[in-house]
Amino acid sequence: MFNILITDDEQIVIDSLSFIISKNFADDVKVYTALSGTEAIEIVMKENIDMLFMDINMPGLSGLETVSVITKLKPNIVFVILSAFDRFQYAQSAIELGAYKYITKPVNRNVVIETIQGAMQLIQEKQGKLSADKELHKKLDLVSPMIENDFIYACIFNNEKSIDLSAYLEYFNLSETPWVFCCFEFPNINSDNQYATYIKLHELLNKEHRCLISSFMMNRIVMFFPVYSENPEYSEVQEQIKKFYNLMCYNISSGIRGGVSTIASDKTLLQASYNEALSALNKADSNGELVFATNSKTIPALQQKTNSKQNSSHGEFKNQILKKLSNGDSNGVKSFLELFTSELFSIELELDKIKNSFFELIVTANNTTREINKSFSSSTFDNAFATLSSLSDKKLIKDFTQTFLLECTAAISNIRKTETNPIIKKVCDYIEENLEQDISLEMAADYAGVSSFYLSKLFKEEKGETYINFVSDKRLEKSCQLLAQTDLSIKEITAEVGYNDQNYYSRIFKTKYGLSPKEYRKERQK
C-alpha cells in the first residue's frame, strides 16, 4: 500500500488527480489531500507518506519551499512537482531539490499513471521490497518466449541439421509428444502493432492449450501445436485448430490466412512438418481461409472483400458507428446504423455479401468492445455467424446487428461512466440539457468552475475532439432523433438544437451525413 499526498490550492486539480489515482490504483494506494504547504507539512508529520504531488504556486508557503522543508524531515518521500507553467527555472529548481518528475497542468492522465508507476518502482527499490521470486518470474516471462522463438526458427532454417532440436523439446517437456505445425498470416500487421499483437496471441492461444509461438516474420507467425492425446485422430486436431482460428479471427483480426500440417512425431521431420504447413497456407484464399494439409478442408473467411463502390459509399458510416460505440453513445450508434443500412441496401449486392458486411461490422464492434471492457462476452456474438446465415430478411439482419451493437454500447458505457473525469461529466451533462441555448466554451467553463483554457485542453484529452465539435455533433445527433421521431418542421428543429440559421444547419447536416435534413427524414420514414 502506497500513501500519496496531493497538495494544490485548487480543489478541482485535487479532484482530477484523486479521480485518476483512485481509478487506476484503487487497491494499491491511499490518497491524502492538502490545500496549502503548511497543511501538507502537518500531514507528512502525522502520516507515513510515500509520494507527494506538490503545486509550485500556492499562497503562503510556496511549493518549492514546502518541498525543501519536507525533504529535510522525510528524505525518502518521492516528489512530483505540478505547475501551470512550463518554465525551465521551475523545473531546474525542482530537480535540484530531488523531485522525481515535473508535470505541467492540466495534468495528462497517461502521464500521471506512468509517473505513479515509476515512482512506485523507485519507492520499492528504496525500501528493498522487490522480492527474488518476482524477479525470477519476470526473467522467465522474458526468456521462455525467446526460447520458443529460437526453437521454431531452428525448425525452419536448420538445413544442415547442426542443431539438436531434442534439447528444445526437453526444455518444454514435449519430447514424447506428437505435433502439428501451423502457419498464420495476418492482415494489417506492421512494425507498430507487431509486438502488441504477438503478446495478445500468446495469451489467447495458451489459455486452454500450451503451444509454442514464434515472433512475427513480416506478417506471419508459426505455431508448434502439441497433440496431447495418446492416439490422436486428425479430425480431433482439426476441430481444435478451427477453434483457435475462430478465436484469432474474433479477437485479433478477421481475414486471417492459415495452413496446418499433418500430425508428426519423428523429430527428424520437424522442418518437413513446417514446410507442409507453409504449403497449405499458400493454398488459402487471399481474403482469409484455414487450409489443412491432407484434404485441403477449409474454413471460409470471416471477412470477404466487397466491391470498391460499397466500401466508398458506407465505409465512413461504419467508422462513425464504431466511434459512437467507443464513446458509449447508443443514440449515435442507432443514427449511423440507419445511414449505414440505407447506403448498403441501396447498392445492388447479393444477400450473402450484405450479410458479410454486417458480420464484419459485428466482429469489429466485438473487438472494439473487448479492448475497452476486458470482461465483455456475448452469447449474441457467439451465435452471430449462424444467426446471420439463417436470416433472409434484410430488416431482420439489420435489427439483429442493432441489438448486438447496443449490447456492446451498454458494456462500454458502464466502463466510461466510471472512467469519465468529473469535470468532463459535469460539462457533458450541461451540454445535453442546454443544446437549444448558446453554450460557449466560456459558459461551460464558468459552470464547471475552471478556466476556459483548462477545460479546452482537458476536453481534447478526454474526448479526443474539440469542445466545439463535440457540441456540434450532439446538436446534429439530437436533430436526427427529432427528424425521425417527430413532425416538427425543419425550422422548428433548427431552433430546438440551438441554431439560428436554417440554411447553415442544413449545410452542416449534409456535410456530416451526406443527406439533407429533408432527405434524412424521408429515408427514415421509408
Protein backbone atom coordinates (compact mmCIF):
# COMPACT_ATOMS: atom_id res chain seq x y z
CA MET A 1 0.00 0.00 0.00
CA PHE A 2 1.37 3.43 -1.02
CA ASN A 3 0.34 6.66 0.72
CA ILE A 4 0.04 9.56 -1.74
CA LEU A 5 -0.42 13.20 -0.71
CA ILE A 6 -1.81 15.70 -3.25
CA THR A 7 -1.15 19.35 -2.42
CA ASP A 8 -2.71 22.11 -4.53
CA ASP A 9 -4.66 25.27 -3.73
CA GLU A 10 -7.23 24.44 -6.47
CA GLN A 11 -9.78 21.85 -5.38
CA ILE A 12 -10.55 21.00 -9.00
CA VAL A 13 -6.95 19.84 -9.54
CA ILE A 14 -7.07 17.74 -6.38
CA ASP A 15 -10.34 16.17 -7.56
CA SER A 16 -8.94 15.38 -11.00
CA LEU A 17 -5.77 13.78 -9.65
CA SER A 18 -7.68 11.88 -6.97
CA PHE A 19 -10.03 10.53 -9.64
CA ILE A 20 -7.17 9.34 -11.89
CA ILE A 21 -5.32 7.73 -8.98
CA SER A 22 -8.34 6.00 -7.46
CA LYS A 23 -9.46 4.74 -10.88
CA ASN A 24 -6.12 3.19 -11.80
CA PHE A 25 -4.56 2.33 -8.42
CA ALA A 26 -7.57 1.87 -6.14
CA ASP A 27 -6.30 -1.22 -4.30
CA ASP A 28 -2.70 -0.07 -4.04
CA VAL A 29 -2.90 3.47 -2.69
CA LYS A 30 -4.39 5.67 -0.02
CA VAL A 31 -4.82 9.31 -1.02
CA TYR A 32 -4.40 12.32 1.30
CA THR A 33 -5.05 15.92 0.22
CA ALA A 34 -3.88 19.35 1.32
CA LEU A 35 -4.76 22.87 0.11
CA SER A 36 -1.57 24.56 1.37
CA GLY A 37 2.10 23.90 2.07
CA THR A 38 1.56 24.26 5.81
CA GLU A 39 -1.22 21.68 5.77
CA ALA A 40 0.98 19.34 3.72
CA ILE A 41 3.78 19.51 6.30
CA GLU A 42 1.31 18.70 9.08
CA ILE A 43 0.08 15.61 7.23
CA VAL A 44 3.64 14.45 6.47
CA MET A 45 4.48 14.69 10.17
CA LYS A 46 1.45 12.52 11.09
CA GLU A 47 1.27 10.03 8.23
CA ASN A 48 3.79 7.78 6.53
CA ILE A 49 3.66 9.47 3.10
CA ASP A 50 5.47 7.71 0.24
CA MET A 51 4.71 10.02 -2.67
CA LEU A 52 3.79 13.70 -2.80
CA PHE A 53 2.27 15.73 -5.67
CA MET A 54 3.12 19.39 -4.98
CA ASP A 55 1.88 22.52 -6.79
CA ILE A 56 4.57 25.18 -7.18
CA ASN A 57 2.42 28.31 -6.99
CA MET A 58 0.47 28.46 -3.75
CA PRO A 59 -0.32 31.33 -1.38
CA GLY A 60 1.77 31.44 1.77
CA LEU A 61 4.45 28.76 1.76
CA SER A 62 5.27 28.03 -1.92
CA GLY A 63 5.55 24.53 -3.32
CA LEU A 64 9.34 24.60 -3.63
CA GLU A 65 9.70 25.98 -0.11
CA THR A 66 7.41 23.22 1.20
CA VAL A 67 9.41 20.54 -0.65
CA SER A 68 12.63 21.92 0.81
CA VAL A 69 11.23 21.65 4.35
CA ILE A 70 9.71 18.17 3.87
CA THR A 71 12.89 16.82 2.25
CA LYS A 72 14.77 17.59 5.43
CA LEU A 73 12.09 15.95 7.56
CA LYS A 74 11.38 12.87 5.39
CA PRO A 75 14.17 12.43 2.80
CA ASN A 76 12.71 9.20 1.34
CA ILE A 77 9.47 10.77 0.07
CA VAL A 78 9.24 10.80 -3.76
CA PHE A 79 8.15 14.25 -5.01
CA VAL A 80 6.24 15.10 -8.19
CA ILE A 81 6.05 18.83 -8.93
CA LEU A 82 2.92 20.34 -10.55
CA SER A 83 2.90 23.66 -12.37
CA ALA A 84 0.70 25.55 -14.83
CA PHE A 85 3.91 26.92 -16.40
CA ASP A 86 6.42 25.01 -18.49
CA ARG A 87 9.37 27.11 -17.35
CA PHE A 88 12.93 25.87 -17.22
CA GLN A 89 13.88 27.64 -13.99
CA TYR A 90 10.99 25.99 -12.12
CA ALA A 91 11.91 22.55 -13.44
CA GLN A 92 15.59 23.13 -12.64
CA SER A 93 14.80 24.18 -9.07
CA ALA A 94 12.57 21.13 -8.63
CA ILE A 95 15.28 18.78 -9.86
CA GLU A 96 17.85 20.41 -7.59
CA LEU A 97 15.53 19.64 -4.67
CA GLY A 98 15.44 15.97 -5.75
CA ALA A 99 11.98 15.90 -7.39
CA TYR A 100 11.22 12.73 -9.35
CA LYS A 101 9.14 14.43 -12.08
CA TYR A 102 7.96 17.88 -13.18
CA ILE A 103 4.41 17.85 -14.65
CA THR A 104 2.57 20.76 -16.25
CA LYS A 105 -1.15 21.39 -15.71
CA PRO A 106 -3.74 20.49 -16.83
CA VAL A 107 -2.48 17.04 -15.96
CA ASN A 108 -2.47 14.33 -18.61
CA ARG A 109 -4.00 11.06 -17.37
CA ASN A 110 -1.41 8.83 -19.08
CA VAL A 111 1.49 10.95 -17.79
CA VAL A 112 0.11 10.74 -14.24
CA ILE A 113 -0.30 6.96 -14.46
CA GLU A 114 3.21 6.44 -15.87
CA THR A 115 4.66 8.79 -13.26
CA ILE A 116 3.00 6.95 -10.37
CA GLN A 117 4.07 3.56 -11.71
CA GLY A 118 7.67 4.76 -11.98
CA ALA A 119 7.54 6.35 -8.53
CA MET A 120 6.17 3.14 -7.02
CA GLN A 121 9.07 1.23 -8.55
CA LEU A 122 11.51 3.78 -7.13
CA ILE A 123 9.90 3.55 -3.68
CA GLN A 124 10.09 -0.25 -3.72
CA GLU A 125 13.74 -0.12 -4.72
CA LYS A 126 14.43 2.32 -1.92
CA GLN A 127 12.69 0.09 0.56
CA GLY A 128 14.26 -3.08 -0.82
CA LYS A 129 10.89 -4.80 -1.27
CA LEU A 130 11.33 -6.30 -4.75
CA SER A 131 11.31 -10.00 -3.92
CA ALA A 132 13.56 -12.56 -5.56
CA ASP A 133 10.50 -14.56 -6.69
CA LYS A 134 9.11 -11.62 -8.64
CA GLU A 135 12.46 -11.05 -10.28
CA LEU A 136 12.67 -14.72 -11.24
CA HIS A 137 9.16 -14.71 -12.75
CA LYS A 138 9.95 -11.59 -14.72
CA LYS A 139 13.06 -13.22 -16.13
CA LEU A 140 11.20 -16.41 -17.03
CA ASP A 141 8.48 -14.38 -18.72
CA LEU A 142 11.18 -12.83 -20.86
CA VAL A 143 13.24 -15.97 -21.50
CA SER A 144 10.57 -18.56 -22.40
CA PRO A 145 9.20 -16.69 -25.44
CA MET A 146 12.78 -16.24 -26.66
CA ILE A 147 13.42 -19.98 -26.43
CA GLU A 148 10.11 -20.70 -28.19
CA ASN A 149 11.16 -18.37 -30.98
CA ASP A 150 14.66 -19.91 -31.22
CA PHE A 151 13.17 -23.41 -31.43
CA ILE A 152 10.79 -22.54 -34.26
CA TYR A 153 13.48 -20.67 -36.17
CA ALA A 154 15.74 -23.72 -35.77
CA CYS A 155 12.96 -25.94 -37.18
CA ILE A 156 12.58 -23.65 -40.18
CA PHE A 157 16.20 -22.90 -41.01
CA ASN A 158 18.12 -25.94 -39.68
CA ASN A 159 19.10 -27.10 -43.16
CA GLU A 160 22.38 -28.68 -42.11
CA LYS A 161 20.84 -30.47 -39.10
CA SER A 162 23.56 -28.92 -36.95
CA ILE A 163 21.23 -28.02 -34.08
CA ASP A 164 19.89 -30.64 -31.70
CA LEU A 165 16.17 -29.83 -31.60
CA SER A 166 15.60 -32.50 -28.94
CA ALA A 167 17.10 -30.19 -26.32
CA TYR A 168 14.39 -27.61 -27.01
CA LEU A 169 11.64 -30.22 -26.73
CA GLU A 170 13.08 -31.46 -23.44
CA TYR A 171 13.12 -27.88 -22.11
CA PHE A 172 9.37 -27.61 -22.79
CA ASN A 173 8.74 -31.21 -21.65
CA LEU A 174 7.48 -32.18 -25.12
CA SER A 175 9.99 -34.87 -26.06
CA GLU A 176 7.41 -37.64 -26.44
CA THR A 177 4.54 -35.52 -27.74
CA PRO A 178 3.26 -35.56 -31.36
CA TRP A 179 2.54 -32.22 -33.00
CA VAL A 180 1.26 -30.25 -35.93
CA PHE A 181 2.74 -27.05 -37.32
CA CYS A 182 0.52 -24.07 -38.15
CA CYS A 183 1.38 -21.02 -40.21
CA PHE A 184 -0.84 -17.94 -39.92
CA GLU A 185 -0.78 -14.78 -41.98
CA PHE A 186 -2.42 -11.63 -40.55
CA PRO A 187 -3.74 -8.62 -42.47
CA ASN A 188 -2.77 -5.08 -41.45
CA ILE A 189 0.33 -6.06 -39.46
CA ASN A 190 3.17 -3.56 -39.31
CA SER A 191 6.07 -2.64 -37.04
CA ASP A 192 3.81 -0.51 -34.85
CA ASN A 193 1.42 -3.31 -33.85
CA GLN A 194 3.51 -6.48 -34.26
CA TYR A 195 4.60 -6.79 -30.64
CA ALA A 196 1.20 -5.97 -29.11
CA THR A 197 -0.46 -8.48 -31.45
CA TYR A 198 2.12 -11.14 -30.57
CA ILE A 199 1.51 -10.68 -26.83
CA LYS A 200 -2.24 -10.88 -27.35
CA LEU A 201 -1.86 -14.02 -29.47
CA HIS A 202 0.43 -15.65 -26.92
CA GLU A 203 -2.08 -15.08 -24.13
CA LEU A 204 -5.05 -16.12 -26.25
CA LEU A 205 -3.62 -19.37 -27.61
CA ASN A 206 -2.12 -20.54 -24.33
CA LYS A 207 -5.24 -20.17 -22.23
CA GLU A 208 -6.50 -23.67 -22.98
CA HIS A 209 -3.66 -25.36 -24.85
CA ARG A 210 0.08 -24.96 -24.28
CA CYS A 211 1.67 -24.23 -27.66
CA LEU A 212 4.90 -22.60 -28.85
CA ILE A 213 4.67 -19.45 -30.93
CA SER A 214 7.27 -17.63 -32.99
CA SER A 215 7.57 -13.87 -33.17
CA PHE A 216 6.27 -12.21 -36.33
CA MET A 217 8.16 -12.83 -39.56
CA MET A 218 6.81 -9.96 -41.64
CA ASN A 219 3.05 -10.56 -41.24
CA ARG A 220 3.27 -14.27 -40.36
CA ILE A 221 3.68 -16.32 -37.21
CA VAL A 222 4.39 -20.04 -36.84
CA MET A 223 2.83 -22.18 -34.12
CA PHE A 224 4.08 -25.56 -32.85
CA PHE A 225 0.90 -27.24 -31.62
CA PRO A 226 1.49 -30.28 -29.34
CA VAL A 227 -1.08 -33.08 -29.61
CA TYR A 228 -1.56 -34.46 -26.12
CA SER A 229 -3.92 -37.36 -26.95
CA GLU A 230 -2.48 -40.87 -26.73
CA ASN A 231 -3.97 -42.00 -30.05
CA PRO A 232 -4.71 -38.72 -31.78
CA GLU A 233 -7.23 -38.51 -34.60
CA TYR A 234 -6.51 -35.84 -37.17
CA SER A 235 -10.19 -34.84 -37.17
CA GLU A 236 -9.92 -34.02 -33.44
CA VAL A 237 -6.85 -31.87 -34.07
CA GLN A 238 -8.66 -30.10 -36.90
CA GLU A 239 -11.51 -29.19 -34.58
CA GLN A 240 -9.06 -27.77 -32.02
CA ILE A 241 -7.24 -25.73 -34.65
CA LYS A 242 -10.56 -24.46 -36.03
CA LYS A 243 -11.44 -23.25 -32.56
CA PHE A 244 -8.15 -21.36 -32.28
CA TYR A 245 -8.56 -19.95 -35.77
CA ASN A 246 -12.00 -18.59 -34.90
CA LEU A 247 -10.69 -17.16 -31.63
CA MET A 248 -7.99 -15.30 -33.54
CA CYS A 249 -10.46 -14.01 -36.11
CA TYR A 250 -12.82 -12.80 -33.38
CA ASN A 251 -10.19 -11.31 -31.08
CA ILE A 252 -7.32 -10.22 -33.34
CA SER A 253 -8.48 -9.66 -36.91
CA SER A 254 -10.82 -11.15 -39.47
CA GLY A 255 -9.38 -12.24 -42.82
CA ILE A 256 -6.54 -14.38 -41.36
CA ARG A 257 -4.97 -16.98 -43.67
CA GLY A 258 -3.81 -20.26 -42.12
CA GLY A 259 -2.17 -23.56 -43.05
CA VAL A 260 -1.90 -26.69 -40.88
CA SER A 261 0.39 -29.71 -41.29
CA THR A 262 -0.46 -33.36 -40.65
CA ILE A 263 0.35 -34.97 -37.29
CA ALA A 264 4.00 -35.99 -36.83
CA SER A 265 6.15 -37.38 -34.02
CA ASP A 266 9.55 -38.09 -35.66
CA LYS A 267 11.90 -35.29 -34.62
CA THR A 268 13.80 -35.55 -37.89
CA LEU A 269 10.61 -34.38 -39.66
CA LEU A 270 10.22 -31.06 -37.82
CA GLN A 271 11.34 -28.98 -40.79
CA ALA A 272 9.29 -31.07 -43.24
CA SER A 273 6.28 -30.59 -40.99
CA TYR A 274 6.71 -26.83 -41.08
CA ASN A 275 7.05 -26.89 -44.89
CA GLU A 276 3.81 -28.86 -45.09
CA ALA A 277 2.00 -26.16 -43.09
CA LEU A 278 3.54 -23.44 -45.26
CA SER A 279 2.38 -25.22 -48.40
CA ALA A 280 -1.17 -25.40 -47.00
CA LEU A 281 -1.04 -21.69 -46.18
CA ASN A 282 -0.12 -20.86 -49.77
CA LYS A 283 -3.35 -22.54 -50.89
CA ALA A 284 -5.52 -20.36 -48.62
CA ASP A 285 -7.77 -17.72 -50.14
CA SER A 286 -6.29 -14.21 -50.07
CA ASN A 287 -9.38 -12.95 -48.24
CA GLY A 288 -8.81 -15.36 -45.35
CA GLU A 289 -9.10 -19.12 -45.03
CA LEU A 290 -7.81 -22.06 -42.98
CA VAL A 291 -6.43 -24.96 -45.03
CA PHE A 292 -5.42 -28.41 -43.70
CA ALA A 293 -2.60 -30.29 -45.41
CA THR A 294 -4.22 -33.69 -46.02
CA ASN A 295 -7.51 -32.97 -47.71
CA SER A 296 -7.48 -29.19 -48.21
CA LYS A 297 -10.52 -28.95 -45.95
CA THR A 298 -11.18 -25.24 -45.46
CA ILE A 299 -13.00 -22.79 -43.23
CA PRO A 300 -14.42 -19.78 -45.10
CA ALA A 301 -13.01 -16.41 -44.17
CA LEU A 302 -14.85 -14.24 -41.67
CA GLN A 303 -14.22 -11.23 -43.84
CA GLN A 304 -14.82 -11.10 -47.59
CA LYS A 305 -13.85 -8.19 -49.78
CA THR A 306 -16.71 -6.20 -51.18
CA ASN A 307 -16.52 -4.05 -54.26
CA SER A 308 -14.98 -0.62 -54.13
CA LYS A 309 -18.32 1.09 -54.63
CA GLN A 310 -19.68 -0.48 -51.45
CA ASN A 311 -16.57 0.38 -49.45
CA SER A 312 -16.60 4.02 -50.53
CA SER A 313 -20.32 4.53 -50.01
CA HIS A 314 -20.78 3.28 -46.45
CA GLY A 315 -17.28 2.96 -45.00
CA GLU A 316 -17.47 6.35 -43.31
CA PHE A 317 -20.79 5.47 -41.67
CA LYS A 318 -19.20 2.28 -40.30
CA ASN A 319 -16.34 4.34 -38.82
CA GLN A 320 -18.85 6.68 -37.20
CA ILE A 321 -20.77 3.72 -35.73
CA LEU A 322 -17.58 2.42 -34.12
CA LYS A 323 -16.65 5.91 -32.88
CA LYS A 324 -20.05 6.37 -31.21
CA LEU A 325 -19.87 2.83 -29.83
CA SER A 326 -16.46 3.56 -28.31
CA ASN A 327 -17.96 6.59 -26.56
CA GLY A 328 -20.90 4.55 -25.22
CA ASP A 329 -23.32 6.69 -27.27
CA SER A 330 -26.33 4.48 -28.10
CA ASN A 331 -28.28 7.21 -29.93
CA GLY A 332 -25.29 7.95 -32.13
CA VAL A 333 -24.87 4.24 -32.90
CA LYS A 334 -28.51 3.90 -33.94
CA SER A 335 -28.41 7.04 -36.10
CA PHE A 336 -25.33 6.00 -38.05
CA LEU A 337 -26.50 2.39 -38.34
CA GLU A 338 -29.61 3.70 -40.09
CA LEU A 339 -27.41 5.56 -42.57
CA PHE A 340 -25.05 2.57 -42.96
CA THR A 341 -28.03 0.28 -43.65
CA SER A 342 -29.68 2.71 -46.07
CA GLU A 343 -26.49 3.08 -48.11
CA LEU A 344 -25.75 -0.65 -48.09
CA PHE A 345 -29.25 -1.66 -49.15
CA SER A 346 -29.22 0.88 -51.96
CA ILE A 347 -26.30 -0.96 -53.60
CA GLU A 348 -27.22 -3.91 -55.78
CA LEU A 349 -25.44 -6.66 -53.85
CA GLU A 350 -26.12 -10.33 -53.31
CA LEU A 351 -27.67 -11.13 -49.93
CA ASP A 352 -24.56 -13.06 -48.85
CA LYS A 353 -22.38 -10.00 -49.43
CA ILE A 354 -24.77 -7.85 -47.43
CA LYS A 355 -24.58 -10.40 -44.61
CA ASN A 356 -20.77 -10.32 -44.82
CA SER A 357 -20.78 -6.53 -44.41
CA PHE A 358 -22.97 -6.73 -41.32
CA PHE A 359 -20.91 -9.61 -39.91
CA GLU A 360 -17.70 -7.66 -40.46
CA LEU A 361 -19.26 -4.76 -38.53
CA ILE A 362 -20.32 -7.13 -35.72
CA VAL A 363 -16.83 -8.68 -35.42
CA THR A 364 -15.15 -5.27 -35.40
CA ALA A 365 -17.61 -3.97 -32.80
CA ASN A 366 -16.93 -7.02 -30.62
CA ASN A 367 -13.17 -6.47 -30.84
CA THR A 368 -13.58 -2.76 -30.04
CA THR A 369 -15.77 -3.55 -27.03
CA ARG A 370 -13.37 -6.14 -25.64
CA GLU A 371 -10.46 -3.73 -25.91
CA ILE A 372 -12.34 -1.30 -23.65
CA ASN A 373 -14.27 -3.74 -21.45
CA LYS A 374 -11.98 -6.75 -20.90
CA SER A 375 -14.73 -8.82 -19.26
CA PHE A 376 -17.21 -8.42 -22.12
CA SER A 377 -18.70 -11.60 -23.57
CA SER A 378 -21.90 -12.11 -25.51
CA SER A 379 -23.96 -15.14 -26.49
CA THR A 380 -25.38 -12.95 -29.27
CA PHE A 381 -21.90 -12.65 -30.73
CA ASP A 382 -21.08 -16.33 -30.21
CA ASN A 383 -24.07 -17.24 -32.38
CA ALA A 384 -23.78 -14.29 -34.78
CA PHE A 385 -22.43 -16.20 -37.78
CA ALA A 386 -25.07 -18.93 -37.50
CA THR A 387 -27.86 -16.41 -36.92
CA LEU A 388 -26.95 -14.23 -39.90
CA SER A 389 -26.60 -17.31 -42.08
CA SER A 390 -30.17 -18.33 -41.26
CA LEU A 391 -31.73 -14.90 -41.97
CA SER A 392 -33.03 -13.90 -45.40
CA ASP A 393 -34.97 -10.75 -44.49
CA LYS A 394 -32.84 -7.58 -44.69
CA LYS A 395 -34.74 -5.84 -41.89
CA LEU A 396 -34.17 -8.79 -39.54
CA ILE A 397 -30.45 -8.72 -40.41
CA LYS A 398 -30.30 -5.02 -39.55
CA ASP A 399 -32.33 -5.50 -36.34
CA PHE A 400 -30.06 -8.34 -35.19
CA THR A 401 -26.99 -6.19 -35.83
CA GLN A 402 -28.51 -3.26 -33.93
CA THR A 403 -29.31 -5.47 -30.95
CA PHE A 404 -25.70 -6.58 -30.69
CA LEU A 405 -24.29 -3.07 -31.25
CA LEU A 406 -26.45 -1.69 -28.45
CA GLU A 407 -25.29 -4.53 -26.21
CA CYS A 408 -21.70 -3.51 -26.94
CA THR A 409 -22.53 0.16 -26.38
CA ALA A 410 -24.07 -0.58 -22.98
CA ALA A 411 -20.99 -2.57 -21.93
CA ILE A 412 -18.72 0.30 -22.92
CA SER A 413 -20.99 2.90 -21.36
CA ASN A 414 -20.72 1.15 -17.99
CA ILE A 415 -16.93 1.42 -18.20
CA ARG A 416 -16.97 5.01 -19.46
CA LYS A 417 -19.19 6.13 -16.58
CA THR A 418 -16.53 5.07 -14.09
CA GLU A 419 -13.67 6.48 -16.20
CA THR A 420 -15.05 9.92 -17.08
CA ASN A 421 -13.32 12.83 -15.38
CA PRO A 422 -15.85 14.52 -13.04
CA ILE A 423 -15.27 17.89 -14.72
CA ILE A 424 -15.96 16.49 -18.19
CA LYS A 425 -19.00 14.59 -16.95
CA LYS A 426 -20.41 17.76 -15.42
CA VAL A 427 -19.84 19.71 -18.65
CA CYS A 428 -21.32 16.94 -20.86
CA ASP A 429 -24.46 16.83 -18.73
CA TYR A 430 -24.68 20.62 -19.00
CA ILE A 431 -24.39 20.42 -22.80
CA GLU A 432 -27.09 17.71 -23.07
CA GLU A 433 -29.51 19.80 -21.01
CA ASN A 434 -28.90 23.07 -22.88
CA LEU A 435 -28.45 22.19 -26.56
CA GLU A 436 -31.01 24.81 -27.60
CA GLN A 437 -29.00 27.54 -25.81
CA ASP A 438 -25.84 29.38 -26.79
CA ILE A 439 -23.39 27.23 -24.79
CA SER A 440 -19.95 28.66 -25.45
CA LEU A 441 -16.73 27.23 -24.06
CA GLU A 442 -16.52 30.15 -21.63
CA MET A 443 -20.04 29.48 -20.31
CA ALA A 444 -19.31 25.77 -19.83
CA ALA A 445 -16.00 26.54 -18.10
CA ASP A 446 -17.71 29.02 -15.79
CA TYR A 447 -20.38 26.40 -14.99
CA ALA A 448 -17.68 23.83 -14.15
CA GLY A 449 -15.64 26.32 -12.13
CA VAL A 450 -12.48 26.10 -14.23
CA SER A 451 -10.73 28.30 -16.78
CA SER A 452 -11.72 28.00 -20.46
CA PHE A 453 -8.09 27.17 -21.33
CA TYR A 454 -8.03 24.31 -18.82
CA LEU A 455 -11.39 22.95 -19.98
CA SER A 456 -10.38 23.12 -23.64
CA LYS A 457 -7.22 21.06 -23.05
CA LEU A 458 -8.97 18.63 -20.72
CA PHE A 459 -11.84 18.16 -23.19
CA LYS A 460 -9.48 17.40 -26.05
CA GLU A 461 -7.59 14.89 -23.91
CA GLU A 462 -10.67 13.11 -22.56
CA LYS A 463 -12.93 13.15 -25.64
CA GLY A 464 -10.39 13.19 -28.45
CA GLU A 465 -12.09 16.17 -30.11
CA THR A 466 -12.57 19.87 -29.53
CA TYR A 467 -15.35 21.27 -27.37
CA ILE A 468 -16.95 22.99 -30.37
CA ASN A 469 -17.00 19.82 -32.49
CA PHE A 470 -18.46 17.83 -29.59
CA VAL A 471 -21.31 20.32 -29.13
CA SER A 472 -21.95 20.36 -32.88
CA ASP A 473 -22.10 16.55 -33.01
CA LYS A 474 -24.53 16.45 -30.10
CA ARG A 475 -26.79 19.02 -31.76
CA LEU A 476 -26.83 17.14 -35.06
CA GLU A 477 -27.49 13.82 -33.31
CA LYS A 478 -30.43 15.31 -31.45
CA SER A 479 -31.75 16.75 -34.72
CA CYS A 480 -31.59 13.24 -36.24
CA GLN A 481 -33.83 11.98 -33.44
CA LEU A 482 -36.27 14.85 -33.92
CA LEU A 483 -36.37 14.30 -37.68
CA ALA A 484 -37.09 10.61 -37.23
CA GLN A 485 -39.43 10.71 -34.26
CA THR A 486 -41.41 13.97 -34.52
CA ASP A 487 -43.40 16.01 -37.04
CA LEU A 488 -41.62 19.26 -36.21
CA SER A 489 -40.68 21.38 -39.21
CA ILE A 490 -37.04 21.81 -40.23
CA LYS A 491 -37.21 25.39 -39.00
CA GLU A 492 -38.52 24.29 -35.59
CA ILE A 493 -35.85 21.59 -35.29
CA THR A 494 -33.17 24.14 -36.23
CA ALA A 495 -34.17 26.27 -33.23
CA GLU A 496 -34.63 23.22 -30.98
CA VAL A 497 -30.97 22.24 -31.37
CA GLY A 498 -29.54 25.72 -30.92
CA TYR A 499 -29.07 27.06 -34.47
CA ASN A 500 -30.41 30.44 -35.64
CA ASP A 501 -29.89 29.91 -39.37
CA GLN A 502 -31.81 27.07 -41.05
CA ASN A 503 -29.60 27.19 -44.16
CA TYR A 504 -26.46 26.87 -42.05
CA TYR A 505 -27.96 23.96 -40.11
CA SER A 506 -28.96 22.16 -43.34
CA ARG A 507 -25.49 22.70 -44.81
CA ILE A 508 -23.54 21.22 -41.87
CA PHE A 509 -26.09 18.38 -41.56
CA LYS A 510 -25.49 17.38 -45.19
CA THR A 511 -21.71 17.73 -44.77
CA LYS A 512 -21.77 15.27 -41.88
CA TYR A 513 -24.39 12.76 -43.04
CA GLY A 514 -24.34 13.09 -46.83
CA LEU A 515 -28.09 13.82 -46.85
CA SER A 516 -30.12 16.97 -46.29
CA PRO A 517 -32.42 17.00 -43.22
CA LYS A 518 -35.42 16.50 -45.52
CA GLU A 519 -33.75 13.56 -47.32
CA TYR A 520 -32.76 12.03 -43.99
CA ARG A 521 -36.35 12.24 -42.70
CA LYS A 522 -37.60 10.66 -45.94
CA GLU A 523 -35.12 7.76 -45.62
CA ARG A 524 -36.11 7.14 -42.01
CA GLN A 525 -39.80 7.19 -42.89
CA LYS A 526 -39.18 4.55 -45.56
